[in-house]
Amino acid sequence: MNPKVSVIIPNYNHSTFLVQRLESVFNQTFQDFEVILLDDKSTDDSLEILRQYESHPKVSCCLFNDLNSRNTFKQWEKGLNLAKGELIWIAESDDFCDSFFLENVVKPFENDSKVALAYCQSNRVNEFGEVTGNWITHTDKLNPTLFLSDFTKDGNDFIKHFLIDRNVIPNASAVIFKKIAIKNDCYLSIDQEFRYCGDWMFYLKLIVNNKIAFVASSLNNFRYHSNSVIANAVKLENRIRIIDIDFNMRKVLMEFIKQQGIPVSSYKEIKRRNNTIVRELKYEKALLLIQSSEKIKGYFILLTVFDVFYKRYNILKKIKMKIHNLLK
């Protein structure tokens, strides 16, 4: 009989955190799961640690890459191809969790068959495992009260109000999703260009025309340290490059959403919100370029942003004049 949950643990050079990660998985109160251990050609002591757990009764597979893939999502895909469970938990190797994590985050799937993805709130912890904050601050500007309580929402509505704005799911380790909900093209656009926002794209594609559930308890500990993916993204990519990646990602996502046959009203709202964000990003990029050696390019982008507002103003002005003339 297949397990309910497949836990995929992709690792690369996280030997310092591996034991805590593994023990927090094996010690769950909910025990209907298998564990798939993957290593992406680590150069630290990871292999020695993983080999100690290879024979654990919960471990169904342990694979070590001969070459580093240089892409986390290739490891995700490898793990998913091996997974036997109905539900998937990608437990990143530098994070750890509460022993009640699975018990609580699996519940929404049992309560509503339309739920494709469920996730919990996360603590922010440092490299020593000390709690330094909570990721609820990540959503305060969007909605200061919603994320204080558990909820289940329509996926399209969640995209419209939250996920099209930013990735409000800050950590993969906090997420469980249905394997059957994965679309055929979920990985097609997650190449090297989108390696820092691939999870965001993946989540959005999962919940289109499905439901998403949130557990307000902070059952996941997201380790934010000098070698984390986010920290490396900030170091390796300057802000202008990140904005360009965001533009390209939004094009891919909007084309995907358009093809999914969602209600026209929802699509229009998502498109409207996305267009607003794109204009804000263009404005930010223009100011950054003006401060750099590419001033002319910056001023040109700034003019295009203002031109949109100018055209809208003129259209509204013309409509107002027509109404005025009709009322004469």
C-alpha atoms as a PDB file:
ATOM      1  CA  MET A   1       0.000   0.000   0.000  1.00  0.00           C
ATOM      2  CA  ASN A   2       1.364   3.404  -0.983  1.00  0.00           C
ATOM      3  CA  PRO A   3       2.092   6.004   1.697  1.00  0.00           C
ATOM      4  CA  LYS A   4      -0.153   9.050   2.053  1.00  0.00           C
ATOM      5  CA  VAL A   5       2.774  11.490   1.823  1.00  0.00           C
ATOM      6  CA  SER A   6       6.065  11.396  -0.040  1.00  0.00           C
ATOM      7  CA  VAL A   7       8.690  13.529   1.685  1.00  0.00           C
ATOM      8  CA  ILE A   8      11.382  14.666  -0.751  1.00  0.00           C
ATOM      9  CA  ILE A   9      14.565  15.993   0.866  1.00  0.00           C
ATOM     10  CA  PRO A  10      16.886  17.535  -1.770  1.00  0.00           C
ATOM     11  CA  ASN A  11      20.269  18.396  -0.299  1.00  0.00           C
ATOM     12  CA  TYR A  12      23.313  20.336  -1.388  1.00  0.00           C
ATOM     13  CA  ASN A  13      26.089  21.151   1.112  1.00  0.00           C
ATOM     14  CA  HIS A  14      23.823  21.380   4.161  1.00  0.00           C
ATOM     15  CA  SER A  15      25.646  18.869   6.350  1.00  0.00           C
ATOM     16  CA  THR A  16      25.515  21.339   9.268  1.00  0.00           C
ATOM     17  CA  PHE A  17      21.709  21.229   9.277  1.00  0.00           C
ATOM     18  CA  LEU A  18      20.958  17.743   7.917  1.00  0.00           C
ATOM     19  CA  VAL A  19      20.558  15.810  11.154  1.00  0.00           C
ATOM     20  CA  GLN A  20      18.113  18.341  12.595  1.00  0.00           C
ATOM     21  CA  ARG A  21      16.178  18.332   9.301  1.00  0.00           C
ATOM     22  CA  LEU A  22      15.979  14.544   9.101  1.00  0.00           C
ATOM     23  CA  GLU A  23      15.098  14.007  12.740  1.00  0.00           C
ATOM     24  CA  SER A  24      12.313  16.591  12.543  1.00  0.00           C
ATOM     25  CA  VAL A  25      10.828  14.628   9.614  1.00  0.00           C
ATOM     26  CA  PHE A  26      11.160  11.145  11.116  1.00  0.00           C
ATOM     27  CA  ASN A  27       9.665  12.301  14.450  1.00  0.00           C
ATOM     28  CA  GLN A  28       6.326  13.476  13.044  1.00  0.00           C
ATOM     29  CA  THR A  29       3.143  12.526  14.911  1.00  0.00           C
ATOM     30  CA  PHE A  30       1.645  11.646  11.495  1.00  0.00           C
ATOM     31  CA  GLN A  31       3.604   8.620  10.288  1.00  0.00           C
ATOM     32  CA  ASP A  32       2.025   7.591   6.970  1.00  0.00           C
ATOM     33  CA  PHE A  33       4.909   8.743   4.782  1.00  0.00           C
ATOM     34  CA  GLU A  34       7.988   7.712   2.819  1.00  0.00           C
ATOM     35  CA  VAL A  35      11.235   9.683   2.589  1.00  0.00           C
ATOM     36  CA  ILE A  36      13.212  10.228  -0.607  1.00  0.00           C
ATOM     37  CA  LEU A  37      16.764  11.452   0.004  1.00  0.00           C
ATOM     38  CA  LEU A  38      18.536  13.277  -2.835  1.00  0.00           C
ATOM     39  CA  ASP A  39      22.002  14.819  -2.924  1.00  0.00           C
ATOM     40  CA  ASP A  40      23.174  17.158  -5.677  1.00  0.00           C
ATOM     41  CA  LYS A  41      26.917  16.337  -5.567  1.00  0.00           C
ATOM     42  CA  SER A  42      27.663  17.909  -2.186  1.00  0.00           C
ATOM     43  CA  THR A  43      31.285  18.729  -1.360  1.00  0.00           C
ATOM     44  CA  ASP A  44      30.859  18.736   2.437  1.00  0.00           C
ATOM     45  CA  ASP A  45      30.083  15.827   4.804  1.00  0.00           C
ATOM     46  CA  SER A  46      26.487  15.406   3.573  1.00  0.00           C
ATOM     47  CA  LEU A  47      27.000  11.985   1.976  1.00  0.00           C
ATOM     48  CA  GLU A  48      28.308  10.461   5.189  1.00  0.00           C
ATOM     49  CA  ILE A  49      25.261  11.726   7.092  1.00  0.00           C
ATOM     50  CA  LEU A  50      22.788  10.606   4.422  1.00  0.00           C
ATOM     51  CA  ARG A  51      24.321   7.116   4.308  1.00  0.00           C
ATOM     52  CA  GLN A  52      23.636   6.783   8.031  1.00  0.00           C
ATOM     53  CA  TYR A  53      19.927   7.271   7.313  1.00  0.00           C
ATOM     54  CA  GLU A  54      19.800   5.272   4.076  1.00  0.00           C
ATOM     55  CA  SER A  55      18.626   2.128   5.844  1.00  0.00           C
ATOM     56  CA  HIS A  56      15.968   3.903   7.937  1.00  0.00           C
ATOM     57  CA  PRO A  57      12.610   2.083   7.497  1.00  0.00           C
ATOM     58  CA  LYS A  58      10.952   5.275   6.262  1.00  0.00           C
ATOM     59  CA  VAL A  59      13.548   5.881   3.518  1.00  0.00           C
ATOM     60  CA  SER A  60      12.344   4.435   0.216  1.00  0.00           C
ATOM     61  CA  CYS A  61      15.091   5.891  -1.976  1.00  0.00           C
ATOM     62  CA  CYS A  62      18.501   7.545  -1.600  1.00  0.00           C
ATOM     63  CA  LEU A  63      20.164   8.963  -4.725  1.00  0.00           C
ATOM     64  CA  PHE A  64      23.458  10.847  -5.094  1.00  0.00           C
ATOM     65  CA  ASN A  65      24.166  12.876  -8.243  1.00  0.00           C
ATOM     66  CA  ASP A  66      27.505  12.407  -9.994  1.00  0.00           C
ATOM     67  CA  LEU A  67      27.320  15.993 -11.267  1.00  0.00           C
ATOM     68  CA  ASN A  68      25.750  19.056  -9.691  1.00  0.00           C
ATOM     69  CA  SER A  69      22.538  19.984 -11.522  1.00  0.00           C
ATOM     70  CA  ARG A  70      22.820  23.704 -10.636  1.00  0.00           C
ATOM     71  CA  ASN A  71      19.044  23.833 -10.470  1.00  0.00           C
ATOM     72  CA  THR A  72      16.955  22.977  -7.399  1.00  0.00           C
ATOM     73  CA  PHE A  73      13.898  22.237  -9.530  1.00  0.00           C
ATOM     74  CA  LYS A  74      15.625  19.418 -11.386  1.00  0.00           C
ATOM     75  CA  GLN A  75      15.916  17.751  -7.980  1.00  0.00           C
ATOM     76  CA  TRP A  76      12.260  18.451  -7.267  1.00  0.00           C
ATOM     77  CA  GLU A  77      11.291  16.811 -10.543  1.00  0.00           C
ATOM     78  CA  LYS A  78      13.508  13.797  -9.877  1.00  0.00           C
ATOM     79  CA  GLY A  79      11.923  13.336  -6.451  1.00  0.00           C
ATOM     80  CA  LEU A  80       8.396  13.677  -7.828  1.00  0.00           C
ATOM     81  CA  ASN A  81       9.065  10.995 -10.439  1.00  0.00           C
ATOM     82  CA  LEU A  82      10.058   8.644  -7.601  1.00  0.00           C
ATOM     83  CA  ALA A  83       7.235   9.603  -5.227  1.00  0.00           C
ATOM     84  CA  LYS A  84       4.499   7.050  -4.499  1.00  0.00           C
ATOM     85  CA  GLY A  85       2.398   9.235  -2.192  1.00  0.00           C
ATOM     86  CA  GLU A  86      -0.781  11.105  -3.007  1.00  0.00           C
ATOM     87  CA  LEU A  87       0.630  14.195  -1.277  1.00  0.00           C
ATOM     88  CA  ILE A  88       4.098  15.719  -1.664  1.00  0.00           C
ATOM     89  CA  TRP A  89       6.202  17.533   0.918  1.00  0.00           C
ATOM     90  CA  ILE A  90       9.497  19.005  -0.306  1.00  0.00           C
ATOM     91  CA  ALA A  91      11.356  19.395   2.971  1.00  0.00           C
ATOM     92  CA  GLU A  92      14.390  21.543   2.209  1.00  0.00           C
ATOM     93  CA  SER A  93      17.542  20.253   3.819  1.00  0.00           C
ATOM     94  CA  ASP A  94      18.464  23.388   5.784  1.00  0.00           C
ATOM     95  CA  ASP A  95      15.032  23.841   7.414  1.00  0.00           C
ATOM     96  CA  PHE A  96      13.277  21.953  10.227  1.00  0.00           C
ATOM     97  CA  CYS A  97       9.744  21.645  11.558  1.00  0.00           C
ATOM     98  CA  ASP A  98       7.449  21.027  14.497  1.00  0.00           C
ATOM     99  CA  SER A  99       6.509  17.381  15.159  1.00  0.00           C
ATOM    100  CA  PHE A 100       2.840  18.251  14.434  1.00  0.00           C
ATOM    101  CA  PHE A 101       3.587  19.712  10.979  1.00  0.00           C
ATOM    102  CA  LEU A 102       2.271  16.818   8.873  1.00  0.00           C
ATOM    103  CA  GLU A 103      -0.681  16.118  11.143  1.00  0.00           C
ATOM    104  CA  ASN A 104      -1.935  19.694  10.781  1.00  0.00           C
ATOM    105  CA  VAL A 105      -1.064  20.486   7.155  1.00  0.00           C
ATOM    106  CA  VAL A 106      -2.529  17.211   5.817  1.00  0.00           C
ATOM    107  CA  LYS A 107      -5.944  17.953   7.401  1.00  0.00           C
ATOM    108  CA  PRO A 108      -7.167  20.480   4.779  1.00  0.00           C
ATOM    109  CA  PHE A 109      -6.850  17.803   2.063  1.00  0.00           C
ATOM    110  CA  GLU A 110      -9.021  15.440   4.102  1.00  0.00           C
ATOM    111  CA  ASN A 111     -11.634  18.162   4.696  1.00  0.00           C
ATOM    112  CA  ASP A 112     -11.918  19.397   1.084  1.00  0.00           C
ATOM    113  CA  SER A 113     -11.108  17.362  -2.041  1.00  0.00           C
ATOM    114  CA  LYS A 114     -10.600  20.557  -4.097  1.00  0.00           C
ATOM    115  CA  VAL A 115      -7.560  21.634  -2.077  1.00  0.00           C
ATOM    116  CA  ALA A 116      -4.458  21.272  -4.261  1.00  0.00           C
ATOM    117  CA  LEU A 117      -1.966  22.962  -1.942  1.00  0.00           C
ATOM    118  CA  ALA A 118      -1.809  23.635   1.786  1.00  0.00           C
ATOM    119  CA  TYR A 119       0.858  25.458   3.745  1.00  0.00           C
ATOM    120  CA  CYS A 120       1.532  26.749   7.226  1.00  0.00           C
ATOM    121  CA  GLN A 121       3.055  29.883   8.690  1.00  0.00           C
ATOM    122  CA  SER A 122       6.838  29.863   9.151  1.00  0.00           C
ATOM    123  CA  ASN A 123       9.245  31.105  11.758  1.00  0.00           C
ATOM    124  CA  ARG A 124      12.373  32.821  10.551  1.00  0.00           C
ATOM    125  CA  VAL A 125      15.436  31.171  12.128  1.00  0.00           C
ATOM    126  CA  ASN A 126      19.169  31.814  11.855  1.00  0.00           C
ATOM    127  CA  GLU A 127      21.969  29.352  11.144  1.00  0.00           C
ATOM    128  CA  PHE A 128      21.997  28.337  14.828  1.00  0.00           C
ATOM    129  CA  GLY A 129      18.298  27.432  14.785  1.00  0.00           C
ATOM    130  CA  GLU A 130      17.302  30.451  16.876  1.00  0.00           C
ATOM    131  CA  VAL A 131      13.946  32.054  16.033  1.00  0.00           C
ATOM    132  CA  THR A 132      14.586  35.631  14.865  1.00  0.00           C
ATOM    133  CA  GLY A 133      11.112  36.510  13.591  1.00  0.00           C
ATOM    134  CA  ASN A 134       8.001  35.313  11.814  1.00  0.00           C
ATOM    135  CA  TRP A 135       7.063  35.445   8.138  1.00  0.00           C
ATOM    136  CA  ILE A 136       3.618  36.877   8.873  1.00  0.00           C
ATOM    137  CA  THR A 137       5.299  40.251   8.334  1.00  0.00           C
ATOM    138  CA  HIS A 138       5.646  39.199   4.675  1.00  0.00           C
ATOM    139  CA  THR A 139       1.869  39.554   4.163  1.00  0.00           C
ATOM    140  CA  ASP A 140       1.067  42.423   6.538  1.00  0.00           C
ATOM    141  CA  LYS A 141       0.904  45.028   3.758  1.00  0.00           C
ATOM    142  CA  LEU A 142      -1.430  42.884   1.644  1.00  0.00           C
ATOM    143  CA  ASN A 143      -3.807  41.873   4.440  1.00  0.00           C
ATOM    144  CA  PRO A 144      -2.916  42.393   8.130  1.00  0.00           C
ATOM    145  CA  THR A 145      -5.628  40.074   9.507  1.00  0.00           C
ATOM    146  CA  LEU A 146      -6.348  37.211   7.065  1.00  0.00           C
ATOM    147  CA  PHE A 147      -3.173  35.243   7.820  1.00  0.00           C
ATOM    148  CA  LEU A 148      -3.823  35.277  11.570  1.00  0.00           C
ATOM    149  CA  SER A 149      -6.307  32.394  11.178  1.00  0.00           C
ATOM    150  CA  ASP A 150      -6.658  29.150   9.206  1.00  0.00           C
ATOM    151  CA  PHE A 151      -8.500  29.420   5.903  1.00  0.00           C
ATOM    152  CA  THR A 152      -9.346  27.619   2.664  1.00  0.00           C
ATOM    153  CA  LYS A 153      -9.794  29.819  -0.406  1.00  0.00           C
ATOM    154  CA  ASP A 154     -10.524  29.579  -4.097  1.00  0.00           C
ATOM    155  CA  GLY A 155      -7.167  29.403  -5.891  1.00  0.00           C
ATOM    156  CA  ASN A 156      -8.038  31.959  -8.569  1.00  0.00           C
ATOM    157  CA  ASP A 157      -9.159  34.397  -5.878  1.00  0.00           C
ATOM    158  CA  PHE A 158      -5.920  33.814  -3.941  1.00  0.00           C
ATOM    159  CA  ILE A 159      -3.886  34.521  -7.096  1.00  0.00           C
ATOM    160  CA  LYS A 160      -5.874  37.713  -7.754  1.00  0.00           C
ATOM    161  CA  HIS A 161      -5.421  39.125  -4.244  1.00  0.00           C
ATOM    162  CA  PHE A 162      -2.030  37.740  -3.240  1.00  0.00           C
ATOM    163  CA  LEU A 163       0.041  35.473  -5.454  1.00  0.00           C
ATOM    164  CA  ILE A 164       0.069  37.730  -8.520  1.00  0.00           C
ATOM    165  CA  ASP A 165       1.475  40.449  -6.264  1.00  0.00           C
ATOM    166  CA  ARG A 166       4.261  38.460  -4.630  1.00  0.00           C
ATOM    167  CA  ASN A 167       5.120  34.965  -3.458  1.00  0.00           C
ATOM    168  CA  VAL A 168       3.264  34.924  -0.142  1.00  0.00           C
ATOM    169  CA  ILE A 169       4.475  31.334   0.384  1.00  0.00           C
ATOM    170  CA  PRO A 170       8.055  32.147   1.409  1.00  0.00           C
ATOM    171  CA  ASN A 171       9.334  28.612   1.985  1.00  0.00           C
ATOM    172  CA  ALA A 172       8.823  25.289   0.163  1.00  0.00           C
ATOM    173  CA  SER A 173       9.291  23.392   3.429  1.00  0.00           C
ATOM    174  CA  ALA A 174       5.983  24.821   4.675  1.00  0.00           C
ATOM    175  CA  VAL A 175       4.050  23.401   1.703  1.00  0.00           C
ATOM    176  CA  ILE A 176       2.243  20.131   0.966  1.00  0.00           C
ATOM    177  CA  PHE A 177       0.589  19.646  -2.426  1.00  0.00           C
ATOM    178  CA  LYS A 178      -1.283  17.003  -4.404  1.00  0.00           C
ATOM    179  CA  LYS A 179       0.824  15.134  -6.904  1.00  0.00           C
ATOM    180  CA  ILE A 180      -2.168  14.806  -9.244  1.00  0.00           C
ATOM    181  CA  ALA A 181      -2.521  18.622  -9.370  1.00  0.00           C
ATOM    182  CA  ILE A 182       0.818  19.054 -11.160  1.00  0.00           C
ATOM    183  CA  LYS A 183       0.246  20.244 -14.715  1.00  0.00           C
ATOM    184  CA  ASN A 184       2.328  18.846 -17.565  1.00  0.00           C
ATOM    185  CA  ASP A 185       4.098  22.157 -18.123  1.00  0.00           C
ATOM    186  CA  CYS A 186       4.837  22.978 -14.471  1.00  0.00           C
ATOM    187  CA  TYR A 187       8.571  22.588 -15.098  1.00  0.00           C
ATOM    188  CA  LEU A 188       8.865  23.800 -18.684  1.00  0.00           C
ATOM    189  CA  SER A 189       9.511  27.414 -17.699  1.00  0.00           C
ATOM    190  CA  ILE A 190      11.626  26.715 -14.602  1.00  0.00           C
ATOM    191  CA  ASP A 191      15.014  26.951 -16.293  1.00  0.00           C
ATOM    192  CA  GLN A 192      18.132  28.759 -15.093  1.00  0.00           C
ATOM    193  CA  GLU A 193      16.534  32.181 -15.634  1.00  0.00           C
ATOM    194  CA  PHE A 194      13.726  31.477 -13.155  1.00  0.00           C
ATOM    195  CA  ARG A 195      15.695  29.443 -10.631  1.00  0.00           C
ATOM    196  CA  TYR A 196      15.083  32.007  -7.855  1.00  0.00           C
ATOM    197  CA  CYS A 197      11.326  32.292  -8.430  1.00  0.00           C
ATOM    198  CA  GLY A 198      10.507  28.811  -9.728  1.00  0.00           C
ATOM    199  CA  ASP A 199       8.620  27.870  -6.576  1.00  0.00           C
ATOM    200  CA  TRP A 200       6.375  30.928  -7.015  1.00  0.00           C
ATOM    201  CA  MET A 201       5.550  29.863 -10.592  1.00  0.00           C
ATOM    202  CA  PHE A 202       5.014  26.258  -9.487  1.00  0.00           C
ATOM    203  CA  TYR A 203       2.550  27.180  -6.707  1.00  0.00           C
ATOM    204  CA  LEU A 204       0.531  29.476  -8.942  1.00  0.00           C
ATOM    205  CA  LYS A 205       0.159  26.775 -11.596  1.00  0.00           C
ATOM    206  CA  LEU A 206      -0.942  24.257  -8.958  1.00  0.00           C
ATOM    207  CA  ILE A 207      -3.796  26.321  -7.541  1.00  0.00           C
ATOM    208  CA  VAL A 208      -5.360  27.674 -10.762  1.00  0.00           C
ATOM    209  CA  ASN A 209      -8.985  26.405 -10.769  1.00  0.00           C
ATOM    210  CA  ASN A 210      -8.318  24.584  -7.470  1.00  0.00           C
ATOM    211  CA  LYS A 211      -8.299  25.581  -3.804  1.00  0.00           C
ATOM    212  CA  ILE A 212      -5.512  26.588  -1.427  1.00  0.00           C
ATOM    213  CA  ALA A 213      -5.478  26.133   2.364  1.00  0.00           C
ATOM    214  CA  PHE A 214      -3.474  27.931   5.047  1.00  0.00           C
ATOM    215  CA  VAL A 215      -2.622  26.836   8.588  1.00  0.00           C
ATOM    216  CA  ALA A 216      -1.846  29.846  10.775  1.00  0.00           C
ATOM    217  CA  SER A 217       0.315  27.955  13.305  1.00  0.00           C
ATOM    218  CA  SER A 218       4.057  28.450  12.782  1.00  0.00           C
ATOM    219  CA  LEU A 219       4.941  24.777  12.355  1.00  0.00           C
ATOM    220  CA  ASN A 220       7.822  25.329   9.918  1.00  0.00           C
ATOM    221  CA  ASN A 221      11.210  26.890  10.613  1.00  0.00           C
ATOM    222  CA  PHE A 222      12.668  28.618   7.563  1.00  0.00           C
ATOM    223  CA  ARG A 223      16.403  28.980   7.990  1.00  0.00           C
ATOM    224  CA  TYR A 224      17.640  32.275   6.583  1.00  0.00           C
ATOM    225  CA  HIS A 225      21.449  32.229   6.530  1.00  0.00           C
ATOM    226  CA  SER A 226      24.411  33.338   4.414  1.00  0.00           C
ATOM    227  CA  ASN A 227      24.167  30.289   2.122  1.00  0.00           C
ATOM    228  CA  SER A 228      20.376  30.199   1.702  1.00  0.00           C
ATOM    229  CA  VAL A 229      18.871  30.403  -1.795  1.00  0.00           C
ATOM    230  CA  ILE A 230      17.344  33.835  -1.097  1.00  0.00           C
ATOM    231  CA  ALA A 231      20.573  35.234   0.342  1.00  0.00           C
ATOM    232  CA  ASN A 232      22.540  33.988  -2.661  1.00  0.00           C
ATOM    233  CA  ALA A 233      19.955  35.454  -5.025  1.00  0.00           C
ATOM    234  CA  VAL A 234      20.424  38.866  -3.440  1.00  0.00           C
ATOM    235  CA  LYS A 235      24.205  38.571  -3.708  1.00  0.00           C
ATOM    236  CA  LEU A 236      24.368  37.204  -7.242  1.00  0.00           C
ATOM    237  CA  GLU A 237      21.651  39.237  -8.980  1.00  0.00           C
ATOM    238  CA  ASN A 238      21.427  43.016  -8.864  1.00  0.00           C
ATOM    239  CA  ARG A 239      18.014  44.623  -8.487  1.00  0.00           C
ATOM    240  CA  ILE A 240      17.657  45.580 -12.167  1.00  0.00           C
ATOM    241  CA  ARG A 241      18.300  41.980 -13.232  1.00  0.00           C
ATOM    242  CA  ILE A 242      15.752  40.722 -10.683  1.00  0.00           C
ATOM    243  CA  ILE A 243      13.158  43.150 -12.087  1.00  0.00           C
ATOM    244  CA  ASP A 244      13.844  41.846 -15.616  1.00  0.00           C
ATOM    245  CA  ILE A 245      13.378  38.259 -14.421  1.00  0.00           C
ATOM    246  CA  ASP A 246      10.114  39.330 -12.762  1.00  0.00           C
ATOM    247  CA  PHE A 247       8.898  40.827 -16.070  1.00  0.00           C
ATOM    248  CA  ASN A 248       9.660  37.628 -17.976  1.00  0.00           C
ATOM    249  CA  MET A 249       8.125  35.423 -15.294  1.00  0.00           C
ATOM    250  CA  ARG A 250       4.903  37.444 -15.352  1.00  0.00           C
ATOM    251  CA  LYS A 251       4.638  37.043 -19.133  1.00  0.00           C
ATOM    252  CA  VAL A 252       4.925  33.271 -18.772  1.00  0.00           C
ATOM    253  CA  LEU A 253       2.416  33.120 -15.922  1.00  0.00           C
ATOM    254  CA  MET A 254      -0.175  35.355 -17.575  1.00  0.00           C
ATOM    255  CA  GLU A 255      -0.004  33.260 -20.755  1.00  0.00           C
ATOM    256  CA  PHE A 256      -0.461  30.114 -18.649  1.00  0.00           C
ATOM    257  CA  ILE A 257      -3.442  31.593 -16.755  1.00  0.00           C
ATOM    258  CA  LYS A 258      -5.043  32.696 -20.016  1.00  0.00           C
ATOM    259  CA  GLN A 259      -4.967  29.108 -21.288  1.00  0.00           C
ATOM    260  CA  GLN A 260      -6.571  27.570 -18.179  1.00  0.00           C
ATOM    261  CA  GLY A 261     -10.159  28.572 -18.913  1.00  0.00           C
ATOM    262  CA  ILE A 262     -10.699  30.439 -15.659  1.00  0.00           C
ATOM    263  CA  PRO A 263     -13.781  32.711 -15.343  1.00  0.00           C
ATOM    264  CA  VAL A 264     -13.429  35.855 -17.480  1.00  0.00           C
ATOM    265  CA  SER A 265     -14.037  38.171 -14.511  1.00  0.00           C
ATOM    266  CA  SER A 266     -11.227  36.502 -12.516  1.00  0.00           C
ATOM    267  CA  TYR A 267      -8.845  36.652 -15.461  1.00  0.00           C
ATOM    268  CA  LYS A 268      -9.541  40.357 -16.020  1.00  0.00           C
ATOM    269  CA  GLU A 269      -8.927  41.140 -12.335  1.00  0.00           C
ATOM    270  CA  ILE A 270      -5.665  39.163 -12.296  1.00  0.00           C
ATOM    271  CA  LYS A 271      -4.547  40.858 -15.521  1.00  0.00           C
ATOM    272  CA  ARG A 272      -5.440  44.310 -14.172  1.00  0.00           C
ATOM    273  CA  ARG A 273      -3.485  43.727 -10.965  1.00  0.00           C
ATOM    274  CA  ASN A 274      -0.525  42.301 -12.879  1.00  0.00           C
ATOM    275  CA  ASN A 275      -0.454  45.328 -15.208  1.00  0.00           C
ATOM    276  CA  THR A 276      -0.369  47.661 -12.202  1.00  0.00           C
ATOM    277  CA  ILE A 277       2.590  45.784 -10.716  1.00  0.00           C
ATOM    278  CA  VAL A 278       4.433  45.779 -14.071  1.00  0.00           C
ATOM    279  CA  ARG A 279       4.077  49.572 -14.263  1.00  0.00           C
ATOM    280  CA  GLU A 280       5.412  49.907 -10.708  1.00  0.00           C
ATOM    281  CA  LEU A 281       8.382  47.687 -11.596  1.00  0.00           C
ATOM    282  CA  LYS A 282       9.078  49.710 -14.755  1.00  0.00           C
ATOM    283  CA  TYR A 283       9.050  52.897 -12.704  1.00  0.00           C
ATOM    284  CA  GLU A 284      11.505  51.391 -10.201  1.00  0.00           C
ATOM    285  CA  LYS A 285      13.766  50.129 -13.003  1.00  0.00           C
ATOM    286  CA  ALA A 286      13.731  53.561 -14.672  1.00  0.00           C
ATOM    287  CA  LEU A 287      14.844  55.285 -11.461  1.00  0.00           C
ATOM    288  CA  LEU A 288      17.626  52.725 -10.950  1.00  0.00           C
ATOM    289  CA  LEU A 289      18.872  53.222 -14.524  1.00  0.00           C
ATOM    290  CA  ILE A 290      18.801  57.012 -14.137  1.00  0.00           C
ATOM    291  CA  GLN A 291      21.076  56.594 -11.110  1.00  0.00           C
ATOM    292  CA  SER A 292      23.438  54.425 -13.174  1.00  0.00           C
ATOM    293  CA  SER A 293      25.376  55.023 -16.396  1.00  0.00           C
ATOM    294  CA  GLU A 294      22.265  54.185 -18.469  1.00  0.00           C
ATOM    295  CA  LYS A 295      20.420  57.442 -17.800  1.00  0.00           C
ATOM    296  CA  ILE A 296      18.942  57.789 -21.321  1.00  0.00           C
ATOM    297  CA  LYS A 297      17.449  54.284 -21.167  1.00  0.00           C
ATOM    298  CA  GLY A 298      16.013  55.103 -17.744  1.00  0.00           C
ATOM    299  CA  TYR A 299      14.373  58.326 -18.937  1.00  0.00           C
ATOM    300  CA  PHE A 300      12.911  56.497 -21.944  1.00  0.00           C
ATOM    301  CA  ILE A 301      11.280  53.845 -19.702  1.00  0.00           C
ATOM    302  CA  LEU A 302      10.016  56.603 -17.413  1.00  0.00           C
ATOM    303  CA  LEU A 303       8.345  58.300 -20.386  1.00  0.00           C
ATOM    304  CA  THR A 304       6.586  55.055 -21.392  1.00  0.00           C
ATOM    305  CA  VAL A 305       5.245  54.673 -17.828  1.00  0.00           C
ATOM    306  CA  PHE A 306       3.919  58.236 -17.775  1.00  0.00           C
ATOM    307  CA  ASP A 307       2.545  57.788 -21.303  1.00  0.00           C
ATOM    308  CA  VAL A 308       0.234  55.003 -20.051  1.00  0.00           C
ATOM    309  CA  PHE A 309      -1.208  57.281 -17.385  1.00  0.00           C
ATOM    310  CA  TYR A 310      -1.490  60.169 -19.891  1.00  0.00           C
ATOM    311  CA  LYS A 311      -3.417  58.014 -22.381  1.00  0.00           C
ATOM    312  CA  ARG A 312      -5.762  56.766 -19.669  1.00  0.00           C
ATOM    313  CA  TYR A 313      -6.366  60.318 -18.508  1.00  0.00           C
ATOM    314  CA  ASN A 314      -7.228  61.416 -22.057  1.00  0.00           C
ATOM    315  CA  ILE A 315      -9.593  58.458 -22.594  1.00  0.00           C
ATOM    316  CA  LEU A 316     -11.436  59.277 -19.369  1.00  0.00           C
ATOM    317  CA  LYS A 317     -11.550  62.928 -20.415  1.00  0.00           C
ATOM    318  CA  LYS A 318     -13.145  61.990 -23.777  1.00  0.00           C
ATOM    319  CA  ILE A 319     -15.737  59.737 -22.099  1.00  0.00           C
ATOM    320  CA  LYS A 320     -16.608  62.526 -19.679  1.00  0.00           C
ATOM    321  CA  MET A 321     -17.063  64.965 -22.602  1.00  0.00           C
ATOM    322  CA  LYS A 322     -19.347  62.500 -24.476  1.00  0.00           C
ATOM    323  CA  ILE A 323     -21.549  62.048 -21.391  1.00  0.00           C
ATOM    324  CA  HIS A 324     -21.634  65.812 -20.925  1.00  0.00           C
ATOM    325  CA  ASN A 325     -22.727  66.329 -24.556  1.00  0.00           C
ATOM    326  CA  LEU A 326     -25.443  63.674 -24.296  1.00  0.00           C
ATOM    327  CA  LEU A 327     -26.912  65.379 -21.233  1.00  0.00           C
ATOM    328  CA  LYS A 328     -27.176  68.743 -22.980  1.00  0.00           C
END
